Amino acid sequence: MKELVKVMKALSEPNRLKILKMLQQKTLCVCEIKEALHIAQPTVSKHLRILEEAELVRFEKDGLWVNYMLDERTRNAYARSILKDLKEWLSDDKEIQDIIANLSGIQREIICKK
C-alpha cells in the first residue's frame, strides 16, 4: 500500500502533474522546468525529489547537466500504470497545452548560461 500512497501523494500537486506532462515531451533539466513553470529552483528540486521517490521520474547525469525523464523502467506497478494512463490525461487542459507549446522555446544553454 505504501507504494500506491507515495504515487498518489506525488500526483496530488498541480506543478508535479505539469512536470510529468512536460517530461512526456522531452528530457529536461531543473533550469528548463523552472523556466517553464515560473517557480523557484528549490521548489522544482523538491517536486522532482518527490516524483523520484514515487518512482515516476529518474535522472541521468550528462557532464554538467542533470537530465530528468519519466521512469518508464520503474518496478513500481502503480507508477508504471499511472505513467501509461497519464499520456491520455489532461491533453485538453489549456494550461498544459500552453506549457508544452512553450517548451520548444526554452533552451538550457541560454537559461543556465553554460
Protein backbone atom coordinates (compact mmCIF):
# COMPACT_ATOMS: atom_id res chain seq x y z
CA MET A 1 0.00 0.00 0.00
CA LYS A 2 2.92 2.36 0.71
CA GLU A 3 3.92 2.44 -2.96
CA LEU A 4 0.42 3.44 -4.09
CA VAL A 5 0.13 6.16 -1.43
CA LYS A 6 3.52 7.57 -2.44
CA VAL A 7 2.43 7.76 -6.10
CA MET A 8 -0.93 9.32 -5.27
CA LYS A 9 0.66 11.93 -3.00
CA ALA A 10 3.15 12.79 -5.72
CA LEU A 11 0.29 13.35 -8.15
CA SER A 12 -1.69 15.49 -5.73
CA GLU A 13 0.19 18.70 -6.55
CA PRO A 14 -0.56 20.53 -9.84
CA ASN A 15 3.05 21.50 -10.57
CA ARG A 16 4.14 17.88 -10.29
CA LEU A 17 1.49 16.88 -12.82
CA LYS A 18 2.74 19.65 -15.11
CA ILE A 19 6.30 18.37 -14.75
CA LEU A 20 5.20 14.87 -15.72
CA LYS A 21 3.34 16.19 -18.76
CA MET A 22 6.43 18.18 -19.79
CA LEU A 23 8.66 15.15 -19.37
CA GLN A 24 6.37 13.24 -21.72
CA GLN A 25 7.57 15.64 -24.40
CA LYS A 26 11.31 15.59 -23.73
CA THR A 27 14.06 15.19 -21.18
CA LEU A 28 14.53 18.37 -19.13
CA CYS A 29 16.93 19.84 -16.61
CA VAL A 30 15.88 21.75 -13.49
CA CYS A 31 16.52 25.14 -15.10
CA GLU A 32 14.21 24.32 -18.04
CA ILE A 33 11.43 23.20 -15.71
CA LYS A 34 11.94 26.33 -13.59
CA GLU A 35 11.65 28.50 -16.69
CA ALA A 36 8.55 26.71 -18.00
CA LEU A 37 6.65 26.82 -14.70
CA HIS A 38 7.96 30.17 -13.40
CA ILE A 39 8.77 28.73 -9.99
CA ALA A 40 11.94 28.82 -7.89
CA GLN A 41 14.75 26.31 -8.42
CA PRO A 42 14.49 24.86 -4.87
CA THR A 43 10.76 24.29 -5.44
CA VAL A 44 11.45 22.47 -8.72
CA SER A 45 14.08 20.33 -6.99
CA LYS A 46 11.65 19.45 -4.20
CA HIS A 47 8.97 18.43 -6.71
CA LEU A 48 11.46 16.31 -8.64
CA ARG A 49 12.63 14.61 -5.46
CA ILE A 50 9.03 13.67 -4.58
CA LEU A 51 8.41 12.39 -8.11
CA GLU A 52 11.66 10.43 -7.96
CA GLU A 53 10.77 8.87 -4.60
CA ALA A 54 7.44 7.78 -6.11
CA GLU A 55 9.42 6.22 -8.99
CA LEU A 56 7.70 8.41 -11.56
CA VAL A 57 10.87 10.15 -12.75
CA ARG A 58 14.56 9.34 -12.84
CA PHE A 59 17.65 11.33 -13.71
CA GLU A 60 20.91 10.82 -15.56
CA LYS A 61 23.99 12.97 -15.32
CA ASP A 62 25.48 14.21 -18.57
CA GLY A 63 28.57 16.27 -17.82
CA LEU A 64 27.34 19.39 -16.04
CA TRP A 65 23.70 18.60 -16.81
CA VAL A 66 21.30 16.52 -14.73
CA ASN A 67 18.59 15.33 -17.11
CA TYR A 68 15.20 14.28 -15.78
CA MET A 69 12.91 11.88 -17.61
CA LEU A 70 9.91 9.69 -16.92
CA ASP A 71 10.89 6.46 -15.20
CA GLU A 72 9.25 4.04 -17.59
CA ARG A 73 11.55 1.28 -16.28
CA THR A 74 10.15 1.56 -12.75
CA ARG A 75 9.46 -1.61 -10.80
CA ASN A 76 6.54 0.16 -9.08
CA ALA A 77 3.44 -1.20 -10.84
CA TYR A 78 1.34 1.78 -9.69
CA ALA A 79 3.82 4.31 -11.08
CA ARG A 80 4.10 2.35 -14.33
CA SER A 81 0.31 2.27 -14.73
CA ILE A 82 -0.07 5.98 -13.95
CA LEU A 83 2.64 6.95 -16.43
CA LYS A 84 0.91 4.92 -19.12
CA ASP A 85 -2.52 6.43 -18.41
CA LEU A 86 -1.19 9.97 -17.96
CA LYS A 87 -0.34 10.06 -21.66
CA GLU A 88 -4.09 10.35 -22.33
CA TRP A 89 -4.95 12.61 -19.41
CA LEU A 90 -5.00 16.43 -19.42
CA SER A 91 -4.41 16.72 -23.17
CA ASP A 92 -7.34 19.14 -23.38
CA ASP A 93 -6.16 21.30 -20.48
CA LYS A 94 -5.33 24.81 -21.77
CA GLU A 95 -2.59 25.46 -19.21
CA ILE A 96 -0.86 22.17 -20.05
CA GLN A 97 -1.17 22.91 -23.77
CA ASP A 98 0.42 26.34 -23.28
CA ILE A 99 3.30 24.97 -21.21
CA ILE A 100 4.04 22.26 -23.78
CA ALA A 101 3.82 24.75 -26.64
CA ASN A 102 6.40 26.98 -24.90
CA LEU A 103 8.88 24.14 -24.26
CA SER A 104 10.41 24.40 -27.71
CA GLY A 105 11.48 27.99 -26.99
CA ILE A 106 13.24 27.08 -23.75
CA GLN A 107 16.94 26.37 -24.24
CA ARG A 108 19.05 25.30 -21.28
CA GLU A 109 22.24 26.76 -22.74
CA ILE A 110 20.68 30.21 -22.77
CA ILE A 111 18.87 29.92 -19.43
CA CYS A 112 21.80 28.47 -17.50
CA LYS A 113 24.49 30.33 -19.48
CA LYS A 114 26.72 27.26 -19.68
